[in-house]
Amino acid sequence: PDIPGAFRAVAFELQPGQVSNPITFEGSLHILKLEER
């Protein structure tokens, strides 16, 4: 619950090394890169 739901959903769809498309959250764009599972 400490991590926004949109972040969690995207993170667990990525493969290690992949970078996400922009995620809109609280009026800003956020980019995630999955390092490892």
PDB file of all heavy atoms in Angstrom:
ATOM      1  N   PRO A   1       0.805  -1.228   0.000  1.00  0.00           N
ATOM      2  CA  PRO A   1       0.000   0.000   0.000  1.00  0.00           C
ATOM      3  C   PRO A   1       0.836   1.275   0.000  1.00  0.00           C
ATOM      4  O   PRO A   1       0.305   2.366  -0.234  1.00  0.00           O
ATOM      5  CB  PRO A   1      -0.813  -0.120   1.301  1.00  0.00           C
ATOM      6  CG  PRO A   1       0.041  -0.951   2.197  1.00  0.00           C
ATOM      7  CD  PRO A   1       0.729  -1.933   1.307  1.00  0.00           C
ATOM      8  N   ASP A   2       2.138   1.153   0.286  1.00  0.00           N
ATOM      9  CA  ASP A   2       2.984   2.347   0.299  1.00  0.00           C
ATOM     10  C   ASP A   2       3.408   2.784  -1.104  1.00  0.00           C
ATOM     11  O   ASP A   2       4.013   3.840  -1.270  1.00  0.00           O
ATOM     12  CB  ASP A   2       4.243   2.088   1.137  1.00  0.00           C
ATOM     13  CG  ASP A   2       3.934   2.006   2.618  1.00  0.00           C
ATOM     14  OD1 ASP A   2       2.897   2.554   3.036  1.00  0.00           O
ATOM     15  OD2 ASP A   2       4.719   1.388   3.364  1.00  0.00           O
ATOM     16  N   ILE A   3       3.116   1.971  -2.101  1.00  0.00           N
ATOM     17  CA  ILE A   3       3.482   2.268  -3.483  1.00  0.00           C
ATOM     18  C   ILE A   3       2.198   2.475  -4.297  1.00  0.00           C
ATOM     19  O   ILE A   3       1.253   1.691  -4.181  1.00  0.00           O
ATOM     20  CB  ILE A   3       4.294   1.103  -4.103  1.00  0.00           C
ATOM     21  CG1 ILE A   3       5.565   0.842  -3.292  1.00  0.00           C
ATOM     22  CG2 ILE A   3       4.647   1.393  -5.552  1.00  0.00           C
ATOM     23  CD1 ILE A   3       6.560   1.995  -3.269  1.00  0.00           C
ATOM     24  N   PRO A   4       2.125   3.517  -5.107  1.00  0.00           N
ATOM     25  CA  PRO A   4       0.911   3.755  -5.911  1.00  0.00           C
ATOM     26  C   PRO A   4       0.537   2.521  -6.750  1.00  0.00           C
ATOM     27  O   PRO A   4       1.404   1.842  -7.298  1.00  0.00           O
ATOM     28  CB  PRO A   4       1.310   4.938  -6.800  1.00  0.00           C
ATOM     29  CG  PRO A   4       2.381   5.641  -6.041  1.00  0.00           C
ATOM     30  CD  PRO A   4       3.140   4.573  -5.317  1.00  0.00           C
ATOM     31  N   GLY A   5      -0.748   2.268  -6.832  1.00  0.00           N
ATOM     32  CA  GLY A   5      -1.225   1.100  -7.570  1.00  0.00           C
ATOM     33  C   GLY A   5      -0.775   1.083  -9.020  1.00  0.00           C
ATOM     34  O   GLY A   5      -0.459   0.024  -9.567  1.00  0.00           O
ATOM     35  N   ALA A   6      -0.726   2.262  -9.657  1.00  0.00           N
ATOM     36  CA  ALA A   6      -0.295   2.325 -11.058  1.00  0.00           C
ATOM     37  C   ALA A   6       1.156   1.879 -11.194  1.00  0.00           C
ATOM     38  O   ALA A   6       1.522   1.208 -12.163  1.00  0.00           O
ATOM     39  CB  ALA A   6      -0.460   3.752 -11.575  1.00  0.00           C
ATOM     40  N   PHE A   7       1.991   2.219 -10.241  1.00  0.00           N
ATOM     41  CA  PHE A   7       3.387   1.798 -10.265  1.00  0.00           C
ATOM     42  C   PHE A   7       3.498   0.282 -10.121  1.00  0.00           C
ATOM     43  O   PHE A   7       4.274  -0.377 -10.820  1.00  0.00           O
ATOM     44  CB  PHE A   7       4.170   2.472  -9.130  1.00  0.00           C
ATOM     45  CG  PHE A   7       4.491   3.914  -9.359  1.00  0.00           C
ATOM     46  CD1 PHE A   7       3.679   4.729 -10.127  1.00  0.00           C
ATOM     47  CD2 PHE A   7       5.615   4.483  -8.785  1.00  0.00           C
ATOM     48  CE1 PHE A   7       3.973   6.059 -10.339  1.00  0.00           C
ATOM     49  CE2 PHE A   7       5.934   5.817  -8.980  1.00  0.00           C
ATOM     50  CZ  PHE A   7       5.099   6.610  -9.756  1.00  0.00           C
ATOM     51  N   ARG A   8       2.723  -0.256  -9.163  1.00  0.00           N
ATOM     52  CA  ARG A   8       2.791  -1.700  -8.918  1.00  0.00           C
ATOM     53  C   ARG A   8       2.351  -2.488 -10.148  1.00  0.00           C
ATOM     54  O   ARG A   8       2.978  -3.486 -10.520  1.00  0.00           O
ATOM     55  CB  ARG A   8       1.922  -2.054  -7.712  1.00  0.00           C
ATOM     56  CG  ARG A   8       2.523  -1.613  -6.388  1.00  0.00           C
ATOM     57  CD  ARG A   8       1.651  -2.025  -5.213  1.00  0.00           C
ATOM     58  NE  ARG A   8       0.669  -1.014  -4.864  1.00  0.00           N
ATOM     59  CZ  ARG A   8      -0.622  -1.231  -4.687  1.00  0.00           C
ATOM     60  NH1 ARG A   8      -1.127  -2.440  -4.854  1.00  0.00           N
ATOM     61  NH2 ARG A   8      -1.434  -0.259  -4.353  1.00  0.00           N
ATOM     62  N   ALA A   9       1.266  -2.038 -10.772  1.00  0.00           N
ATOM     63  CA  ALA A   9       0.747  -2.748 -11.936  1.00  0.00           C
ATOM     64  C   ALA A   9       1.773  -2.775 -13.061  1.00  0.00           C
ATOM     65  O   ALA A   9       2.015  -3.825 -13.680  1.00  0.00           O
ATOM     66  CB  ALA A   9      -0.549  -2.096 -12.407  1.00  0.00           C
ATOM     67  N   VAL A  10       2.390  -1.630 -13.335  1.00  0.00           N
ATOM     68  CA  VAL A  10       3.376  -1.550 -14.416  1.00  0.00           C
ATOM     69  C   VAL A  10       4.628  -2.348 -14.080  1.00  0.00           C
ATOM     70  O   VAL A  10       5.172  -3.079 -14.917  1.00  0.00           O
ATOM     71  CB  VAL A  10       3.733  -0.082 -14.715  1.00  0.00           C
ATOM     72  CG1 VAL A  10       4.921   0.008 -15.657  1.00  0.00           C
ATOM     73  CG2 VAL A  10       2.527   0.645 -15.312  1.00  0.00           C
ATOM     74  N   ALA A  11       5.101  -2.237 -12.840  1.00  0.00           N
ATOM     75  CA  ALA A  11       6.351  -2.896 -12.445  1.00  0.00           C
ATOM     76  C   ALA A  11       6.270  -4.401 -12.641  1.00  0.00           C
ATOM     77  O   ALA A  11       7.246  -5.042 -13.067  1.00  0.00           O
ATOM     78  CB  ALA A  11       6.685  -2.563 -10.996  1.00  0.00           C
ATOM     79  N   PHE A  12       5.112  -4.996 -12.335  1.00  0.00           N
ATOM     80  CA  PHE A  12       4.989  -6.444 -12.429  1.00  0.00           C
ATOM     81  C   PHE A  12       4.599  -6.912 -13.834  1.00  0.00           C
ATOM     82  O   PHE A  12       4.445  -8.107 -14.068  1.00  0.00           O
ATOM     83  CB  PHE A  12       4.010  -6.973 -11.374  1.00  0.00           C
ATOM     84  CG  PHE A  12       4.625  -7.064 -10.002  1.00  0.00           C
ATOM     85  CD1 PHE A  12       4.591  -5.984  -9.128  1.00  0.00           C
ATOM     86  CD2 PHE A  12       5.293  -8.211  -9.601  1.00  0.00           C
ATOM     87  CE1 PHE A  12       5.189  -6.056  -7.878  1.00  0.00           C
ATOM     88  CE2 PHE A  12       5.893  -8.304  -8.357  1.00  0.00           C
ATOM     89  CZ  PHE A  12       5.844  -7.225  -7.491  1.00  0.00           C
ATOM     90  N   GLU A  13       4.468  -5.970 -14.759  1.00  0.00           N
ATOM     91  CA  GLU A  13       4.286  -6.324 -16.169  1.00  0.00           C
ATOM     92  C   GLU A  13       5.610  -6.287 -16.924  1.00  0.00           C
ATOM     93  O   GLU A  13       5.754  -6.913 -17.977  1.00  0.00           O
ATOM     94  CB  GLU A  13       3.301  -5.353 -16.836  1.00  0.00           C
ATOM     95  CG  GLU A  13       1.857  -5.520 -16.365  1.00  0.00           C
ATOM     96  CD  GLU A  13       0.934  -4.475 -16.987  1.00  0.00           C
ATOM     97  OE1 GLU A  13       1.461  -3.568 -17.687  1.00  0.00           O
ATOM     98  OE2 GLU A  13      -0.286  -4.553 -16.763  1.00  0.00           O
ATOM     99  N   LEU A  14       6.580  -5.535 -16.407  1.00  0.00           N
ATOM    100  CA  LEU A  14       7.873  -5.386 -17.072  1.00  0.00           C
ATOM    101  C   LEU A  14       8.749  -6.618 -16.866  1.00  0.00           C
ATOM    102  O   LEU A  14       8.602  -7.354 -15.896  1.00  0.00           O
ATOM    103  CB  LEU A  14       8.611  -4.154 -16.532  1.00  0.00           C
ATOM    104  CG  LEU A  14       7.961  -2.781 -16.767  1.00  0.00           C
ATOM    105  CD1 LEU A  14       8.731  -1.710 -16.002  1.00  0.00           C
ATOM    106  CD2 LEU A  14       7.922  -2.457 -18.256  1.00  0.00           C
ATOM    107  N   GLN A  15       9.681  -6.787 -17.770  1.00  0.00           N
ATOM    108  CA  GLN A  15      10.736  -7.781 -17.614  1.00  0.00           C
ATOM    109  C   GLN A  15      11.997  -7.055 -17.148  1.00  0.00           C
ATOM    110  O   GLN A  15      12.176  -5.868 -17.420  1.00  0.00           O
ATOM    111  CB  GLN A  15      10.996  -8.496 -18.945  1.00  0.00           C
ATOM    112  CG  GLN A  15       9.819  -9.316 -19.460  1.00  0.00           C
ATOM    113  CD  GLN A  15       9.404 -10.401 -18.483  1.00  0.00           C
ATOM    114  OE1 GLN A  15      10.255 -11.128 -17.942  1.00  0.00           O
ATOM    115  NE2 GLN A  15       8.101 -10.512 -18.253  1.00  0.00           N
ATOM    116  N   PRO A  16      12.878  -7.758 -16.419  1.00  0.00           N
ATOM    117  CA  PRO A  16      14.110  -7.107 -15.946  1.00  0.00           C
ATOM    118  C   PRO A  16      14.851  -6.414 -17.088  1.00  0.00           C
ATOM    119  O   PRO A  16      15.061  -6.979 -18.152  1.00  0.00           O
ATOM    120  CB  PRO A  16      14.912  -8.276 -15.377  1.00  0.00           C
ATOM    121  CG  PRO A  16      13.873  -9.238 -14.911  1.00  0.00           C
ATOM    122  CD  PRO A  16      12.776  -9.155 -15.934  1.00  0.00           C
ATOM    123  N   GLY A  17      15.200  -5.138 -16.868  1.00  0.00           N
ATOM    124  CA  GLY A  17      15.894  -4.341 -17.863  1.00  0.00           C
ATOM    125  C   GLY A  17      14.975  -3.482 -18.703  1.00  0.00           C
ATOM    126  O   GLY A  17      15.436  -2.532 -19.358  1.00  0.00           O
ATOM    127  N   GLN A  18      13.688  -3.765 -18.690  1.00  0.00           N
ATOM    128  CA  GLN A  18      12.736  -2.985 -19.486  1.00  0.00           C
ATOM    129  C   GLN A  18      12.396  -1.654 -18.807  1.00  0.00           C
ATOM    130  O   GLN A  18      12.386  -1.552 -17.587  1.00  0.00           O
ATOM    131  CB  GLN A  18      11.442  -3.768 -19.704  1.00  0.00           C
ATOM    132  CG  GLN A  18      11.507  -4.790 -20.813  1.00  0.00           C
ATOM    133  CD  GLN A  18      10.128  -5.364 -21.116  1.00  0.00           C
ATOM    134  OE1 GLN A  18       9.327  -5.601 -20.213  1.00  0.00           O
ATOM    135  NE2 GLN A  18       9.853  -5.571 -22.400  1.00  0.00           N
ATOM    136  N   VAL A  19      12.101  -0.643 -19.657  1.00  0.00           N
ATOM    137  CA  VAL A  19      11.693   0.678 -19.184  1.00  0.00           C
ATOM    138  C   VAL A  19      10.245   0.903 -19.589  1.00  0.00           C
ATOM    139  O   VAL A  19       9.845   0.600 -20.724  1.00  0.00           O
ATOM    140  CB  VAL A  19      12.593   1.787 -19.763  1.00  0.00           C
ATOM    141  CG1 VAL A  19      12.088   3.174 -19.352  1.00  0.00           C
ATOM    142  CG2 VAL A  19      14.042   1.598 -19.313  1.00  0.00           C
ATOM    143  N   SER A  20       9.470   1.437 -18.698  1.00  0.00           N
ATOM    144  CA  SER A  20       8.047   1.648 -18.958  1.00  0.00           C
ATOM    145  C   SER A  20       7.808   2.869 -19.833  1.00  0.00           C
ATOM    146  O   SER A  20       8.679   3.727 -19.996  1.00  0.00           O
ATOM    147  CB  SER A  20       7.308   1.842 -17.628  1.00  0.00           C
ATOM    148  OG  SER A  20       7.597   3.123 -17.075  1.00  0.00           O
ATOM    149  N   ASN A  21       6.617   2.957 -20.387  1.00  0.00           N
ATOM    150  CA  ASN A  21       6.135   4.201 -20.978  1.00  0.00           C
ATOM    151  C   ASN A  21       5.760   5.148 -19.834  1.00  0.00           C
ATOM    152  O   ASN A  21       5.638   4.717 -18.679  1.00  0.00           O
ATOM    153  CB  ASN A  21       4.925   3.932 -21.865  1.00  0.00           C
ATOM    154  CG  ASN A  21       5.308   3.200 -23.135  1.00  0.00           C
ATOM    155  OD1 ASN A  21       6.341   3.493 -23.745  1.00  0.00           O
ATOM    156  ND2 ASN A  21       4.495   2.234 -23.538  1.00  0.00           N
ATOM    157  N   PRO A  22       5.556   6.422 -20.108  1.00  0.00           N
ATOM    158  CA  PRO A  22       5.203   7.366 -19.029  1.00  0.00           C
ATOM    159  C   PRO A  22       3.926   6.958 -18.304  1.00  0.00           C
ATOM    160  O   PRO A  22       2.944   6.518 -18.921  1.00  0.00           O
ATOM    161  CB  PRO A  22       5.015   8.686 -19.776  1.00  0.00           C
ATOM    162  CG  PRO A  22       5.866   8.554 -20.993  1.00  0.00           C
ATOM    163  CD  PRO A  22       5.763   7.113 -21.397  1.00  0.00           C
ATOM    164  N   ILE A  23       3.945   7.075 -16.987  1.00  0.00           N
ATOM    165  CA  ILE A  23       2.801   6.786 -16.128  1.00  0.00           C
ATOM    166  C   ILE A  23       2.342   8.113 -15.530  1.00  0.00           C
ATOM    167  O   ILE A  23       3.128   8.833 -14.915  1.00  0.00           O
ATOM    168  CB  ILE A  23       3.192   5.826 -14.988  1.00  0.00           C
ATOM    169  CG1 ILE A  23       3.792   4.535 -15.541  1.00  0.00           C
ATOM    170  CG2 ILE A  23       1.993   5.527 -14.093  1.00  0.00           C
ATOM    171  CD1 ILE A  23       4.504   3.703 -14.475  1.00  0.00           C
ATOM    172  N   THR A  24       1.085   8.450 -15.717  1.00  0.00           N
ATOM    173  CA  THR A  24       0.552   9.690 -15.154  1.00  0.00           C
ATOM    174  C   THR A  24       0.083   9.440 -13.733  1.00  0.00           C
ATOM    175  O   THR A  24      -0.740   8.553 -13.487  1.00  0.00           O
ATOM    176  CB  THR A  24      -0.618  10.216 -15.993  1.00  0.00           C
ATOM    177  OG1 THR A  24      -0.174  10.443 -17.332  1.00  0.00           O
ATOM    178  CG2 THR A  24      -1.134  11.535 -15.418  1.00  0.00           C
ATOM    179  N   PHE A  25       0.634  10.202 -12.804  1.00  0.00           N
ATOM    180  CA  PHE A  25       0.246  10.056 -11.390  1.00  0.00           C
ATOM    181  C   PHE A  25       0.427  11.394 -10.690  1.00  0.00           C
ATOM    182  O   PHE A  25       1.488  12.002 -10.753  1.00  0.00           O
ATOM    183  CB  PHE A  25       1.102   8.987 -10.709  1.00  0.00           C
ATOM    184  CG  PHE A  25       0.796   8.810  -9.240  1.00  0.00           C
ATOM    185  CD1 PHE A  25      -0.380   8.203  -8.832  1.00  0.00           C
ATOM    186  CD2 PHE A  25       1.677   9.269  -8.270  1.00  0.00           C
ATOM    187  CE1 PHE A  25      -0.671   8.046  -7.482  1.00  0.00           C
ATOM    188  CE2 PHE A  25       1.398   9.117  -6.919  1.00  0.00           C
ATOM    189  CZ  PHE A  25       0.222   8.502  -6.533  1.00  0.00           C
ATOM    190  N   GLU A  26      -0.640  11.858 -10.038  1.00  0.00           N
ATOM    191  CA  GLU A  26      -0.647  13.120  -9.298  1.00  0.00           C
ATOM    192  C   GLU A  26      -0.128  14.287 -10.136  1.00  0.00           C
ATOM    193  O   GLU A  26       0.655  15.121  -9.678  1.00  0.00           O
ATOM    194  CB  GLU A  26       0.165  12.995  -8.001  1.00  0.00           C
ATOM    195  CG  GLU A  26      -0.477  12.065  -6.980  1.00  0.00           C
ATOM    196  CD  GLU A  26       0.255  12.044  -5.643  1.00  0.00           C
ATOM    197  OE1 GLU A  26       1.423  12.506  -5.600  1.00  0.00           O
ATOM    198  OE2 GLU A  26      -0.327  11.573  -4.657  1.00  0.00           O
ATOM    199  N   GLY A  27      -0.543  14.331 -11.397  1.00  0.00           N
ATOM    200  CA  GLY A  27      -0.218  15.447 -12.260  1.00  0.00           C
ATOM    201  C   GLY A  27       1.169  15.434 -12.859  1.00  0.00           C
ATOM    202  O   GLY A  27       1.556  16.379 -13.541  1.00  0.00           O
ATOM    203  N   SER A  28       1.943  14.368 -12.637  1.00  0.00           N
ATOM    204  CA  SER A  28       3.294  14.283 -13.185  1.00  0.00           C
ATOM    205  C   SER A  28       3.456  12.999 -13.990  1.00  0.00           C
ATOM    206  O   SER A  28       2.654  12.055 -13.866  1.00  0.00           O
ATOM    207  CB  SER A  28       4.339  14.307 -12.061  1.00  0.00           C
ATOM    208  OG  SER A  28       4.292  15.517 -11.349  1.00  0.00           O
ATOM    209  N   LEU A  29       4.500  12.978 -14.833  1.00  0.00           N
ATOM    210  CA  LEU A  29       4.834  11.766 -15.583  1.00  0.00           C
ATOM    211  C   LEU A  29       5.968  11.035 -14.875  1.00  0.00           C
ATOM    212  O   LEU A  29       6.960  11.647 -14.461  1.00  0.00           O
ATOM    213  CB  LEU A  29       5.250  12.109 -17.016  1.00  0.00           C
ATOM    214  CG  LEU A  29       4.159  12.630 -17.949  1.00  0.00           C
ATOM    215  CD1 LEU A  29       4.726  12.793 -19.352  1.00  0.00           C
ATOM    216  CD2 LEU A  29       2.962  11.691 -17.975  1.00  0.00           C
ATOM    217  N   HIS A  30       5.831   9.719 -14.765  1.00  0.00           N
ATOM    218  CA  HIS A  30       6.808   8.894 -14.063  1.00  0.00           C
ATOM    219  C   HIS A  30       7.256   7.762 -14.988  1.00  0.00           C
ATOM    220  O   HIS A  30       6.439   7.161 -15.689  1.00  0.00           O
ATOM    221  CB  HIS A  30       6.204   8.310 -12.789  1.00  0.00           C
ATOM    222  CG  HIS A  30       5.681   9.351 -11.846  1.00  0.00           C
ATOM    223  ND1 HIS A  30       6.401   9.838 -10.786  1.00  0.00           N
ATOM    224  CD2 HIS A  30       4.491  10.022 -11.840  1.00  0.00           C
ATOM    225  CE1 HIS A  30       5.692  10.742 -10.148  1.00  0.00           C
ATOM    226  NE2 HIS A  30       4.524  10.881 -10.767  1.00  0.00           N
ATOM    227  N   ILE A  31       8.546   7.486 -14.950  1.00  0.00           N
ATOM    228  CA  ILE A  31       9.132   6.419 -15.764  1.00  0.00           C
ATOM    229  C   ILE A  31       9.767   5.406 -14.825  1.00  0.00           C
ATOM    230  O   ILE A  31      10.490   5.774 -13.891  1.00  0.00           O
ATOM    231  CB  ILE A  31      10.221   6.963 -16.721  1.00  0.00           C
ATOM    232  CG1 ILE A  31       9.747   8.263 -17.393  1.00  0.00           C
ATOM    233  CG2 ILE A  31      10.591   5.911 -17.743  1.00  0.00           C
ATOM    234  CD1 ILE A  31       8.510   8.130 -18.235  1.00  0.00           C
ATOM    235  N   LEU A  32       9.506   4.122 -15.059  1.00  0.00           N
ATOM    236  CA  LEU A  32      10.073   3.057 -14.243  1.00  0.00           C
ATOM    237  C   LEU A  32      10.957   2.150 -15.084  1.00  0.00           C
ATOM    238  O   LEU A  32      10.666   1.892 -16.252  1.00  0.00           O
ATOM    239  CB  LEU A  32       8.961   2.204 -13.610  1.00  0.00           C
ATOM    240  CG  LEU A  32       7.931   2.886 -12.709  1.00  0.00           C
ATOM    241  CD1 LEU A  32       6.971   1.848 -12.158  1.00  0.00           C
ATOM    242  CD2 LEU A  32       8.605   3.644 -11.581  1.00  0.00           C
ATOM    243  N   LYS A  33      12.012   1.667 -14.461  1.00  0.00           N
ATOM    244  CA  LYS A  33      12.830   0.616 -15.064  1.00  0.00           C
ATOM    245  C   LYS A  33      12.898  -0.534 -14.073  1.00  0.00           C
ATOM    246  O   LYS A  33      13.271  -0.351 -12.917  1.00  0.00           O
ATOM    247  CB  LYS A  33      14.251   1.105 -15.355  1.00  0.00           C
ATOM    248  CG  LYS A  33      15.132  -0.016 -15.945  1.00  0.00           C
ATOM    249  CD  LYS A  33      16.594   0.364 -15.978  1.00  0.00           C
ATOM    250  CE  LYS A  33      17.432  -0.825 -16.477  1.00  0.00           C
ATOM    251  NZ  LYS A  33      18.887  -0.537 -16.422  1.00  0.00           N
ATOM    252  N   LEU A  34      12.518  -1.732 -14.513  1.00  0.00           N
ATOM    253  CA  LEU A  34      12.586  -2.897 -13.641  1.00  0.00           C
ATOM    254  C   LEU A  34      14.010  -3.430 -13.612  1.00  0.00           C
ATOM    255  O   LEU A  34      14.560  -3.833 -14.640  1.00  0.00           O
ATOM    256  CB  LEU A  34      11.640  -3.998 -14.127  1.00  0.00           C
ATOM    257  CG  LEU A  34      11.639  -5.272 -13.279  1.00  0.00           C
ATOM    258  CD1 LEU A  34      11.107  -4.985 -11.878  1.00  0.00           C
ATOM    259  CD2 LEU A  34      10.833  -6.378 -13.946  1.00  0.00           C
ATOM    260  N   GLU A  35      14.620  -3.424 -12.424  1.00  0.00           N
ATOM    261  CA  GLU A  35      15.977  -3.923 -12.261  1.00  0.00           C
ATOM    262  C   GLU A  35      15.990  -5.430 -12.075  1.00  0.00           C
ATOM    263  O   GLU A  35      16.786  -6.149 -12.690  1.00  0.00           O
ATOM    264  CB  GLU A  35      16.652  -3.236 -11.066  1.00  0.00           C
ATOM    265  CG  GLU A  35      16.890  -1.747 -11.254  1.00  0.00           C
ATOM    266  CD  GLU A  35      17.992  -1.464 -12.263  1.00  0.00           C
ATOM    267  OE1 GLU A  35      18.782  -2.377 -12.586  1.00  0.00           O
ATOM    268  OE2 GLU A  35      18.074  -0.317 -12.743  1.00  0.00           O
ATOM    269  N   GLU A  36      15.107  -5.929 -11.200  1.00  0.00           N
ATOM    270  CA  GLU A  36      15.065  -7.364 -10.941  1.00  0.00           C
ATOM    271  C   GLU A  36      13.782  -7.737 -10.216  1.00  0.00           C
ATOM    272  O   GLU A  36      13.074  -6.885  -9.703  1.00  0.00           O
ATOM    273  CB  GLU A  36      16.264  -7.803 -10.087  1.00  0.00           C
ATOM    274  CG  GLU A  36      16.292  -7.199  -8.694  1.00  0.00           C
ATOM    275  CD  GLU A  36      17.368  -7.808  -7.820  1.00  0.00           C
ATOM    276  OE1 GLU A  36      17.586  -9.044  -7.904  1.00  0.00           O
ATOM    277  OE2 GLU A  36      17.991  -7.056  -7.034  1.00  0.00           O
ATOM    278  N   ARG A  37      13.496  -9.011 -10.209  1.00  0.00           N
ATOM    279  CA  ARG A  37      12.420  -9.567  -9.408  1.00  0.00           C
ATOM    280  C   ARG A  37      13.045 -10.417  -8.310  1.00  0.00           C
ATOM    281  O   ARG A  37      13.922 -11.240  -8.586  1.00  0.00           O
ATOM    282  CB  ARG A  37      11.508 -10.439 -10.259  1.00  0.00           C
ATOM    283  CG  ARG A  37      10.733  -9.715 -11.346  1.00  0.00           C
ATOM    284  CD  ARG A  37       9.363  -9.252 -10.850  1.00  0.00           C
ATOM    285  NE  ARG A  37       8.602  -8.674 -11.948  1.00  0.00           N
ATOM    286  CZ  ARG A  37       7.854  -9.388 -12.787  1.00  0.00           C
ATOM    287  NH1 ARG A  37       7.789 -10.700 -12.664  1.00  0.00           N
ATOM    288  NH2 ARG A  37       7.185  -8.787 -13.751  1.00  0.00           N
TER     289      ARG A  37
END
